[in-house]
């Protein structure tokens, strides 16, 4: 798992706002330190060196309980994409 950042705020739409260490892909699954799903990335915005990420939380998630917690994304492998067999 790769550290995405710390949940800093909740937007008016109910999304979690994270100041990220890198820019993840949209719709990537975000997890907490216990590998429980927090939600999915809905938007990446701000400067490229230190982007912000908006996360759509799971429906049953208590968003106030997640404030100040570190969130992670799973590192995915390429699964052989780009390799060709002759």
Protein backbone atom coordinates (compact mmCIF):
# COMPACT_ATOMS: atom_id res chain seq x y z
CA UNK A 1 0.00 0.00 0.00
CA UNK A 2 1.16 3.49 -0.81
CA UNK A 3 0.41 6.45 1.48
CA UNK A 4 -1.87 8.91 -0.28
CA UNK A 5 -2.08 11.50 2.48
CA UNK A 6 -4.16 12.64 5.46
CA UNK A 7 -7.88 13.45 5.33
CA UNK A 8 -8.04 17.19 6.03
CA UNK A 9 -11.62 18.27 5.42
CA UNK A 10 -15.11 17.33 4.26
CA UNK A 11 -16.58 19.26 1.33
CA UNK A 12 -20.15 20.59 1.11
CA UNK A 13 -21.01 17.64 -1.15
CA UNK A 14 -19.82 15.18 1.53
CA UNK A 15 -16.54 14.27 -0.17
CA UNK A 16 -13.34 13.75 1.81
CA UNK A 17 -10.53 16.17 0.90
CA UNK A 18 -6.96 14.84 1.11
CA UNK A 19 -3.71 16.73 0.52
CA UNK A 20 -1.98 14.02 -1.48
CA UNK A 21 1.68 13.12 -1.90
CA UNK A 22 1.05 12.07 -5.51
CA UNK A 23 -1.79 12.18 -8.03
CA UNK A 24 -3.73 8.90 -8.08
CA UNK A 25 -5.99 7.78 -10.91
CA UNK A 26 -9.67 8.69 -10.83
CA UNK A 27 -11.93 5.88 -9.50
CA UNK A 28 -9.02 4.25 -7.68
CA UNK A 29 -10.00 2.61 -4.38
CA UNK A 30 -8.79 4.38 -1.22
CA UNK A 31 -8.25 2.38 1.98
CA UNK A 32 -7.35 3.07 5.61
CA UNK A 33 -4.45 1.56 7.54
CA UNK A 34 -6.52 -1.60 8.24
CA UNK A 35 -7.12 -2.06 4.49
CA UNK A 36 -10.82 -1.26 4.90
CA UNK A 37 -12.27 0.60 1.92
CA UNK A 38 -12.87 4.30 2.60
CA UNK A 39 -14.10 5.27 -0.86
CA UNK A 40 -13.01 6.06 -4.42
CA UNK A 41 -11.09 8.97 -5.91
CA UNK A 42 -13.55 11.27 -7.66
CA UNK A 43 -11.37 14.27 -8.52
CA UNK A 44 -7.72 15.36 -8.49
CA UNK A 45 -7.15 19.11 -8.41
CA UNK A 46 -4.66 21.78 -7.42
CA UNK A 47 -0.95 22.12 -8.17
CA UNK A 48 0.85 19.17 -9.70
CA UNK A 49 3.58 19.08 -7.06
CA UNK A 50 1.14 18.80 -4.17
CA UNK A 51 -2.33 17.89 -5.47
CA UNK A 52 -5.55 17.63 -3.56
CA UNK A 53 -7.84 14.63 -3.94
CA UNK A 54 -11.61 14.47 -3.46
CA UNK A 55 -12.85 11.05 -2.37
CA UNK A 56 -16.44 9.80 -2.62
CA UNK A 57 -16.88 7.95 0.69
CA UNK A 58 -18.68 4.63 1.01
CA UNK A 59 -22.35 5.04 1.94
CA UNK A 60 -22.03 3.41 5.36
CA UNK A 61 -18.82 5.30 6.30
CA UNK A 62 -18.96 7.83 9.13
CA UNK A 63 -17.03 10.67 7.54
CA UNK A 64 -16.27 12.53 10.79
CA UNK A 65 -14.48 9.44 12.11
CA UNK A 66 -12.04 9.55 9.18
CA UNK A 67 -10.89 13.17 9.64
CA UNK A 68 -7.17 13.33 10.44
CA UNK A 69 -6.51 9.71 9.45
CA UNK A 70 -3.99 8.52 6.88
CA UNK A 71 -5.40 6.93 3.73
CA UNK A 72 -3.69 4.65 1.23
CA UNK A 73 -4.06 3.28 -2.29
CA UNK A 74 -3.00 -0.20 -3.33
CA UNK A 75 -0.08 -0.33 -5.69
CA UNK A 76 -1.17 -2.21 -8.76
CA UNK A 77 1.17 -4.05 -11.00
CA UNK A 78 1.06 -3.75 -14.75
CA UNK A 79 0.02 -7.41 -15.10
CA UNK A 80 2.19 -7.88 -18.15
CA UNK A 81 0.78 -5.02 -20.18
CA UNK A 82 3.21 -3.92 -22.81
CA UNK A 83 4.86 -7.32 -23.05
CA UNK A 84 4.45 -9.05 -26.36
CA UNK A 85 5.04 -12.63 -27.17
CA UNK A 86 6.56 -13.41 -30.51
